[in-house]
C-alpha atoms as a PDB file:
ATOM      1  CA  MET A   1       7.167 -24.341  23.347  1.00  0.00           C
ATOM      2  CA  ARG A   2       6.461 -24.643  19.862  1.00  0.00           C
ATOM      3  CA  ASP A   3       2.909 -23.832  21.001  1.00  0.00           C
ATOM      4  CA  ALA A   4       3.650 -20.413  21.835  1.00  0.00           C
ATOM      5  CA  TYR A   5       6.623 -20.462  18.439  1.00  0.00           C
ATOM      6  CA  HIS A   6       3.144 -20.563  16.239  1.00  0.00           C
ATOM      7  CA  GLU A   7       1.061 -17.880  18.640  1.00  0.00           C
ATOM      8  CA  GLU A   8       3.998 -15.109  18.041  1.00  0.00           C
ATOM      9  CA  LEU A   9       3.871 -16.723  14.690  1.00  0.00           C
ATOM     10  CA  ASP A  10      -0.268 -16.077  13.761  1.00  0.00           C
ATOM     11  CA  GLY A  11       1.048 -12.724  16.136  1.00  0.00           C
ATOM     12  CA  ILE A  12       2.881 -11.490  13.126  1.00  0.00           C
ATOM     13  CA  SER A  13       0.237 -12.339  10.609  1.00  0.00           C
ATOM     14  CA  HIS A  14      -2.215 -10.583  12.383  1.00  0.00           C
ATOM     15  CA  ASP A  15       0.084  -7.600  12.809  1.00  0.00           C
ATOM     16  CA  LEU A  16       0.147  -7.565   9.144  1.00  0.00           C
ATOM     17  CA  VAL A  17      -3.262  -7.509   8.899  1.00  0.00           C
ATOM     18  CA  GLU A  18      -3.755  -4.075  11.298  1.00  0.00           C
ATOM     19  CA  MET A  19      -1.192  -2.999   9.106  1.00  0.00           C
ATOM     20  CA  THR A  20      -2.829  -3.047   6.253  1.00  0.00           C
ATOM     21  CA  ARG A  21      -6.228  -1.555   7.959  1.00  0.00           C
ATOM     22  CA  LEU A  22      -4.331   1.515   9.454  1.00  0.00           C
ATOM     23  CA  VAL A  23      -2.823   2.337   5.231  1.00  0.00           C
ATOM     24  CA  ARG A  24      -6.114   2.030   3.873  1.00  0.00           C
ATOM     25  CA  SER A  25      -7.758   4.270   6.137  1.00  0.00           C
ATOM     26  CA  ALA A  26      -4.335   6.417   5.949  1.00  0.00           C
ATOM     27  CA  MET A  27      -5.170   6.581   2.102  1.00  0.00           C
ATOM     28  CA  ALA A  28      -8.639   7.513   2.683  1.00  0.00           C
ATOM     29  CA  ARG A  29      -8.500  10.176   4.568  1.00  0.00           C
ATOM     30  CA  ALA A  30      -5.162  11.361   2.791  1.00  0.00           C
ATOM     31  CA  THR A  31      -7.401  11.333  -0.656  1.00  0.00           C
ATOM     32  CA  THR A  32      -9.768  13.633   0.743  1.00  0.00           C
ATOM     33  CA  ALA A  33      -7.075  15.613   2.623  1.00  0.00           C
ATOM     34  CA  LEU A  34      -5.729  16.136  -0.971  1.00  0.00           C
ATOM     35  CA  LEU A  35      -9.233  16.974  -2.530  1.00  0.00           C
ATOM     36  CA  ASP A  36     -10.604  19.654  -0.011  1.00  0.00           C
ATOM     37  CA  ALA A  37      -7.441  20.618   1.004  1.00  0.00           C
ATOM     38  CA  ASP A  38      -8.078  19.687   4.310  1.00  0.00           C
ATOM     39  CA  ALA A  39      -5.113  20.622   6.962  1.00  0.00           C
ATOM     40  CA  ARG A  40      -6.460  18.915  10.271  1.00  0.00           C
ATOM     41  CA  LEU A  41      -7.117  15.378   8.295  1.00  0.00           C
ATOM     42  CA  ALA A  42      -3.885  15.833   6.715  1.00  0.00           C
ATOM     43  CA  GLU A  43      -2.105  16.331   9.462  1.00  0.00           C
ATOM     44  CA  GLU A  44      -3.757  13.508  10.945  1.00  0.00           C
ATOM     45  CA  VAL A  45      -2.449  11.180   7.931  1.00  0.00           C
ATOM     46  CA  ILE A  46       0.930  12.454   8.702  1.00  0.00           C
ATOM     47  CA  SER A  47       0.981  12.105  12.684  1.00  0.00           C
ATOM     48  CA  GLY A  48      -0.631   8.916  12.037  1.00  0.00           C
ATOM     49  CA  ASP A  49       1.777   7.201   9.979  1.00  0.00           C
ATOM     50  CA  LYS A  50       3.906   6.433  13.163  1.00  0.00           C
ATOM     51  CA  ALA A  51       1.595   3.943  14.505  1.00  0.00           C
ATOM     52  CA  VAL A  52       2.510   1.935  11.146  1.00  0.00           C
ATOM     53  CA  ASN A  53       6.254   2.451  11.866  1.00  0.00           C
ATOM     54  CA  LYS A  54       6.105   1.173  14.986  1.00  0.00           C
ATOM     55  CA  ILE A  55       4.213  -1.904  13.578  1.00  0.00           C
ATOM     56  CA  GLU A  56       7.014  -2.474  11.558  1.00  0.00           C
ATOM     57  CA  SER A  57       9.347  -2.249  13.786  1.00  0.00           C
ATOM     58  CA  GLU A  58       7.438  -5.065  16.260  1.00  0.00           C
ATOM     59  CA  ILE A  59       7.404  -7.417  13.385  1.00  0.00           C
ATOM     60  CA  GLU A  60      11.228  -7.136  12.197  1.00  0.00           C
ATOM     61  CA  GLN A  61      11.833  -7.763  16.212  1.00  0.00           C
ATOM     62  CA  THR A  62      10.107 -10.703  16.428  1.00  0.00           C
ATOM     63  CA  VAL A  63      10.915 -12.210  13.634  1.00  0.00           C
ATOM     64  CA  PHE A  64      15.021 -11.612  14.548  1.00  0.00           C
ATOM     65  CA  ASP A  65      14.059 -12.775  17.673  1.00  0.00           C
ATOM     66  CA  LEU A  66      12.680 -16.551  16.611  1.00  0.00           C
ATOM     67  CA  MET A  67      14.887 -16.454  13.859  1.00  0.00           C
ATOM     68  CA  ALA A  68      17.676 -16.861  16.636  1.00  0.00           C
ATOM     69  CA  ARG A  69      15.749 -18.490  19.599  1.00  0.00           C
ATOM     70  CA  GLN A  70      14.046 -21.276  16.750  1.00  0.00           C
ATOM     71  CA  GLN A  71      16.728 -21.562  14.146  1.00  0.00           C
ATOM     72  CA  PRO A  72      13.580 -22.143  11.700  1.00  0.00           C
ATOM     73  CA  VAL A  73      13.755 -24.269   8.453  1.00  0.00           C
ATOM     74  CA  ALA A  74      11.795 -24.913   5.019  1.00  0.00           C
ATOM     75  CA  GLY A  75       8.079 -23.106   5.789  1.00  0.00           C
ATOM     76  CA  ASP A  76       8.924 -21.389   9.033  1.00  0.00           C
ATOM     77  CA  LEU A  77      11.821 -19.760   8.081  1.00  0.00           C
ATOM     78  CA  ARG A  78       9.712 -19.060   4.395  1.00  0.00           C
ATOM     79  CA  THR A  79       6.865 -17.299   6.545  1.00  0.00           C
ATOM     80  CA  LEU A  80       9.384 -14.926   8.795  1.00  0.00           C
ATOM     81  CA  ILE A  81      10.861 -13.988   5.327  1.00  0.00           C
ATOM     82  CA  THR A  82       8.627 -12.831   3.642  1.00  0.00           C
ATOM     83  CA  SER A  83       6.959 -11.463   6.588  1.00  0.00           C
ATOM     84  CA  LEU A  84       9.417  -9.036   6.753  1.00  0.00           C
ATOM     85  CA  ARG A  85       9.111  -7.825   3.005  1.00  0.00           C
ATOM     86  CA  MET A  86       5.227  -7.576   3.423  1.00  0.00           C
ATOM     87  CA  ALA A  87       6.070  -5.107   6.690  1.00  0.00           C
ATOM     88  CA  ALA A  88       8.782  -3.452   4.912  1.00  0.00           C
ATOM     89  CA  ASP A  89       6.080  -2.671   1.771  1.00  0.00           C
ATOM     90  CA  LEU A  90       3.007  -1.811   3.761  1.00  0.00           C
ATOM     91  CA  GLU A  91       5.663   0.761   6.088  1.00  0.00           C
ATOM     92  CA  ARG A  92       6.452   2.026   2.588  1.00  0.00           C
ATOM     93  CA  MET A  93       2.570   2.384   1.887  1.00  0.00           C
ATOM     94  CA  GLY A  94       2.149   4.031   4.870  1.00  0.00           C
ATOM     95  CA  ASP A  95       4.976   6.452   3.914  1.00  0.00           C
ATOM     96  CA  LEU A  96       3.244   6.955   1.034  1.00  0.00           C
ATOM     97  CA  ALA A  97      -0.329   8.203   1.838  1.00  0.00           C
ATOM     98  CA  ALA A  98       1.384  10.730   4.452  1.00  0.00           C
ATOM     99  CA  HIS A  99       3.609  12.436   1.319  1.00  0.00           C
ATOM    100  CA  ILE A 100      -0.231  12.638  -0.669  1.00  0.00           C
ATOM    101  CA  ALA A 101      -1.138  14.315   2.456  1.00  0.00           C
ATOM    102  CA  LYS A 102       1.783  16.700   2.560  1.00  0.00           C
ATOM    103  CA  THR A 103       0.976  17.608  -0.334  1.00  0.00           C
ATOM    104  CA  ALA A 104      -2.237  19.014   0.448  1.00  0.00           C
ATOM    105  CA  ARG A 105      -0.634  20.291   3.661  1.00  0.00           C
ATOM    106  CA  ARG A 106       1.258  22.429   1.782  1.00  0.00           C
ATOM    107  CA  ARG A 107      -1.059  23.756  -0.883  1.00  0.00           C
ATOM    108  CA  HIS A 108      -3.625  25.042   2.064  1.00  0.00           C
ATOM    109  CA  PRO A 109      -6.106  26.785   1.874  1.00  0.00           C
ATOM    110  CA  GLU A 110      -5.857  26.046  -2.004  1.00  0.00           C
ATOM    111  CA  SER A 111      -6.262  22.759  -3.373  1.00  0.00           C
ATOM    112  CA  CYS A 112      -4.022  21.580  -6.219  1.00  0.00           C
ATOM    113  CA  ILE A 113      -6.208  19.285  -7.513  1.00  0.00           C
ATOM    114  CA  PRO A 114      -8.431  21.409 -10.189  1.00  0.00           C
ATOM    115  CA  ALA A 115     -12.422  20.209 -10.883  1.00  0.00           C
ATOM    116  CA  GLU A 116     -11.338  18.541 -14.151  1.00  0.00           C
ATOM    117  CA  LEU A 117      -9.025  16.055 -12.117  1.00  0.00           C
ATOM    118  CA  HIS A 118     -11.526  15.618  -9.036  1.00  0.00           C
ATOM    119  CA  SER A 119     -12.658  12.311 -10.206  1.00  0.00           C
ATOM    120  CA  THR A 120      -9.485  10.808 -11.626  1.00  0.00           C
ATOM    121  CA  ILE A 121      -8.065  11.747  -7.834  1.00  0.00           C
ATOM    122  CA  LEU A 122     -10.941  10.133  -6.092  1.00  0.00           C
ATOM    123  CA  GLU A 123     -10.857   6.694  -8.246  1.00  0.00           C
ATOM    124  CA  MET A 124      -7.249   6.744  -7.709  1.00  0.00           C
ATOM    125  CA  GLY A 125      -7.780   6.527  -3.826  1.00  0.00           C
ATOM    126  CA  GLN A 126     -11.173   4.281  -4.076  1.00  0.00           C
ATOM    127  CA  VAL A 127      -9.094   2.037  -6.328  1.00  0.00           C
ATOM    128  CA  ALA A 128      -5.662   2.126  -4.159  1.00  0.00           C
ATOM    129  CA  GLU A 129      -7.999   1.402  -1.143  1.00  0.00           C
ATOM    130  CA  ARG A 130      -9.380  -1.309  -2.300  1.00  0.00           C
ATOM    131  CA  MET A 131      -6.103  -2.654  -3.530  1.00  0.00           C
ATOM    132  CA  VAL A 132      -4.649  -3.004   0.132  1.00  0.00           C
ATOM    133  CA  ALA A 133      -7.677  -4.209   1.351  1.00  0.00           C
ATOM    134  CA  LYS A 134      -7.720  -6.940  -0.792  1.00  0.00           C
ATOM    135  CA  ALA A 135      -4.452  -7.719   0.480  1.00  0.00           C
ATOM    136  CA  GLY A 136      -5.634  -7.610   3.892  1.00  0.00           C
ATOM    137  CA  SER A 137      -7.647 -10.298   3.203  1.00  0.00           C
ATOM    138  CA  VAL A 138      -5.073 -11.929   1.365  1.00  0.00           C
ATOM    139  CA  ILE A 139      -2.914 -12.056   4.094  1.00  0.00           C
ATOM    140  CA  ALA A 140      -5.198 -13.746   6.408  1.00  0.00           C
ATOM    141  CA  SER A 141      -7.092 -16.405   4.241  1.00  0.00           C
ATOM    142  CA  GLN A 142      -3.702 -17.324   2.251  1.00  0.00           C
ATOM    143  CA  ASP A 143      -6.472 -17.396  -0.519  1.00  0.00           C
ATOM    144  CA  VAL A 144      -3.301 -17.875  -3.669  1.00  0.00           C
ATOM    145  CA  ALA A 145      -6.293 -16.994  -6.492  1.00  0.00           C
ATOM    146  CA  MET A 146      -7.198 -13.729  -4.949  1.00  0.00           C
ATOM    147  CA  GLY A 147      -3.873 -13.018  -4.099  1.00  0.00           C
ATOM    148  CA  LEU A 148      -3.148 -13.565  -8.390  1.00  0.00           C
ATOM    149  CA  GLU A 149      -5.984 -11.037  -8.872  1.00  0.00           C
ATOM    150  CA  LEU A 150      -4.279  -8.150  -7.570  1.00  0.00           C
ATOM    151  CA  GLU A 151      -1.940  -8.135 -10.711  1.00  0.00           C
ATOM    152  CA  THR A 152      -5.351  -7.614 -12.989  1.00  0.00           C
ATOM    153  CA  ASP A 153      -6.566  -4.910 -10.462  1.00  0.00           C
ATOM    154  CA  ASP A 154      -3.408  -2.861 -10.822  1.00  0.00           C
ATOM    155  CA  ASP A 155      -4.415  -2.005 -14.184  1.00  0.00           C
ATOM    156  CA  ALA A 156      -6.979   0.056 -12.792  1.00  0.00           C
ATOM    157  CA  MET A 157      -4.775   2.526 -11.268  1.00  0.00           C
ATOM    158  CA  ASP A 158      -2.248   2.534 -14.169  1.00  0.00           C
ATOM    159  CA  LYS A 159      -5.172   3.340 -16.793  1.00  0.00           C
ATOM    160  CA  LEU A 160      -6.224   6.237 -14.054  1.00  0.00           C
ATOM    161  CA  HIS A 161      -2.253   7.337 -14.226  1.00  0.00           C
ATOM    162  CA  ARG A 162      -2.002   7.252 -17.855  1.00  0.00           C
ATOM    163  CA  ARG A 163      -5.688   9.496 -18.021  1.00  0.00           C
ATOM    164  CA  LEU A 164      -4.435  11.863 -15.400  1.00  0.00           C
ATOM    165  CA  PHE A 165      -1.295  12.669 -17.730  1.00  0.00           C
ATOM    166  CA  LYS A 166      -3.252  13.387 -20.939  1.00  0.00           C
ATOM    167  CA  VAL A 167      -4.877  16.235 -18.956  1.00  0.00           C
ATOM    168  CA  LEU A 168      -1.699  17.046 -17.557  1.00  0.00           C
ATOM    169  CA  LEU A 169       0.085  17.224 -21.112  1.00  0.00           C
ATOM    170  CA  SER A 170      -2.930  18.580 -22.998  1.00  0.00           C
ATOM    171  CA  PRO A 171      -2.382  21.652 -24.191  1.00  0.00           C
ATOM    172  CA  SER A 172      -5.509  23.438 -23.159  1.00  0.00           C
ATOM    173  CA  TRP A 173      -3.933  22.797 -19.235  1.00  0.00           C
ATOM    174  CA  LYS A 174      -4.207  26.036 -18.074  1.00  0.00           C
ATOM    175  CA  HIS A 175      -3.297  26.107 -13.979  1.00  0.00           C
ATOM    176  CA  GLY A 176       1.030  26.347 -14.586  1.00  0.00           C
ATOM    177  CA  VAL A 177       3.694  24.489 -13.106  1.00  0.00           C
ATOM    178  CA  GLU A 178       3.240  24.088 -10.023  1.00  0.00           C
ATOM    179  CA  LYS A 179      -0.029  22.453  -9.987  1.00  0.00           C
ATOM    180  CA  ALA A 180       1.106  20.235 -12.350  1.00  0.00           C
ATOM    181  CA  VAL A 181       4.336  18.770 -10.484  1.00  0.00           C
ATOM    182  CA  ASP A 182       1.522  18.658  -7.689  1.00  0.00           C
ATOM    183  CA  ILE A 183      -0.421  16.261  -9.113  1.00  0.00           C
ATOM    184  CA  THR A 184       2.267  14.234 -11.079  1.00  0.00           C
ATOM    185  CA  LEU A 185       3.731  13.686  -7.529  1.00  0.00           C
ATOM    186  CA  ALA A 186       0.432  12.575  -6.057  1.00  0.00           C
ATOM    187  CA  GLY A 187      -0.073  10.505  -9.410  1.00  0.00           C
ATOM    188  CA  ARG A 188       3.014   8.878  -8.775  1.00  0.00           C
ATOM    189  CA  TYR A 189       2.190   8.079  -5.046  1.00  0.00           C
ATOM    190  CA  PHE A 190      -1.146   6.234  -6.117  1.00  0.00           C
ATOM    191  CA  GLU A 191       0.434   4.390  -7.968  1.00  0.00           C
ATOM    192  CA  ARG A 192       3.596   2.882  -6.163  1.00  0.00           C
ATOM    193  CA  PHE A 193       0.600   2.436  -3.266  1.00  0.00           C
ATOM    194  CA  SER A 194      -0.901   0.277  -5.392  1.00  0.00           C
ATOM    195  CA  ASP A 195       2.236  -1.412  -6.577  1.00  0.00           C
ATOM    196  CA  HIS A 196       3.135  -2.153  -3.210  1.00  0.00           C
ATOM    197  CA  ALA A 197      -0.505  -3.744  -2.389  1.00  0.00           C
ATOM    198  CA  VAL A 198       0.740  -6.071  -5.562  1.00  0.00           C
ATOM    199  CA  HIS A 199       4.022  -7.078  -3.643  1.00  0.00           C
ATOM    200  CA  VAL A 200       2.523  -7.811  -0.809  1.00  0.00           C
ATOM    201  CA  ALA A 201      -0.202 -10.767  -2.300  1.00  0.00           C
ATOM    202  CA  GLY A 202       2.781 -11.893  -4.513  1.00  0.00           C
ATOM    203  CA  ASP A 203       4.609 -12.561  -1.191  1.00  0.00           C
ATOM    204  CA  VAL A 204       1.581 -14.725   0.378  1.00  0.00           C
ATOM    205  CA  VAL A 205       1.312 -16.623  -3.072  1.00  0.00           C
ATOM    206  CA  TYR A 206       5.140 -17.151  -2.848  1.00  0.00           C
ATOM    207  CA  LEU A 207       4.611 -17.956   0.740  1.00  0.00           C
ATOM    208  CA  VAL A 208       1.446 -20.553   0.313  1.00  0.00           C
ATOM    209  CA  THR A 209       3.059 -22.357  -3.011  1.00  0.00           C
ATOM    210  CA  GLY A 210       6.701 -21.354  -3.061  1.00  0.00           C
ATOM    211  CA  GLN A 211       6.544 -20.036  -6.711  1.00  0.00           C
ATOM    212  CA  ARG A 212       6.361 -16.265  -8.063  1.00  0.00           C
ATOM    213  CA  PRO A 213       2.790 -14.913  -8.528  1.00  0.00           C
ATOM    214  CA  GLU A 214       4.139 -14.750 -12.566  1.00  0.00           C
ATOM    215  CA  GLU A 215       5.704 -17.998 -12.623  1.00  0.00           C
ATOM    216  CA  ILE A 216       2.132 -19.385 -11.632  1.00  0.00           C
ATOM    217  CA  ILE A 217       0.590 -17.041 -14.252  1.00  0.00           C
ATOM    218  CA  GLU A 218       3.246 -18.180 -16.948  1.00  0.00           C
ATOM    219  CA  GLU A 219       2.048 -21.910 -16.287  1.00  0.00           C
ATOM    220  CA  PHE A 220      -1.226 -21.232 -17.126  1.00  0.00           C
ATOM    221  CA  ASN A 221      -0.559 -19.319 -20.219  1.00  0.00           C
END
């Protein structure tokens, strides 16, 4: 009975890693759809979000079932609670990738990203992909040091976000209010996506150590 119980716990971890794989793919395709005004690709991202939602629902059901049947305590209870939190963050990341895809679809056949911001948006997408990939590795390995790195990795996204606004607020901006709004929202989606990746890694750190990342970092400063 206990072996089956721990197999179910391991299954939750595998499902979480699969969610990171799915949302990474969604973000990559959503970024391409946004830059290339690719409506077909955007539709794939939007419809594909159902798979992420399904896994989150299955994780939630498994967690509640295990809590009812096994009445876990200590480390196992912490595993279940943090798993719920991580699944919710990853589900939201899927939603954010879909929001980017919807922006691309809404402006098709035009791209809402002007040439001078292409490289910035591309880099934001790449940073987001790398962060969720690392979050997946952290879940699989429970590597605390790697989990703590996500806090610093997020600085790159914040820097890109500031660069985006510098262009949008420049007196030389000539692409109108509508595009400015689209880009502002897209930038926010990228930023929030990365924030959720940090939250996921932070939950793994808490699961392993019983401390939040900021508490550990403070101890070393």
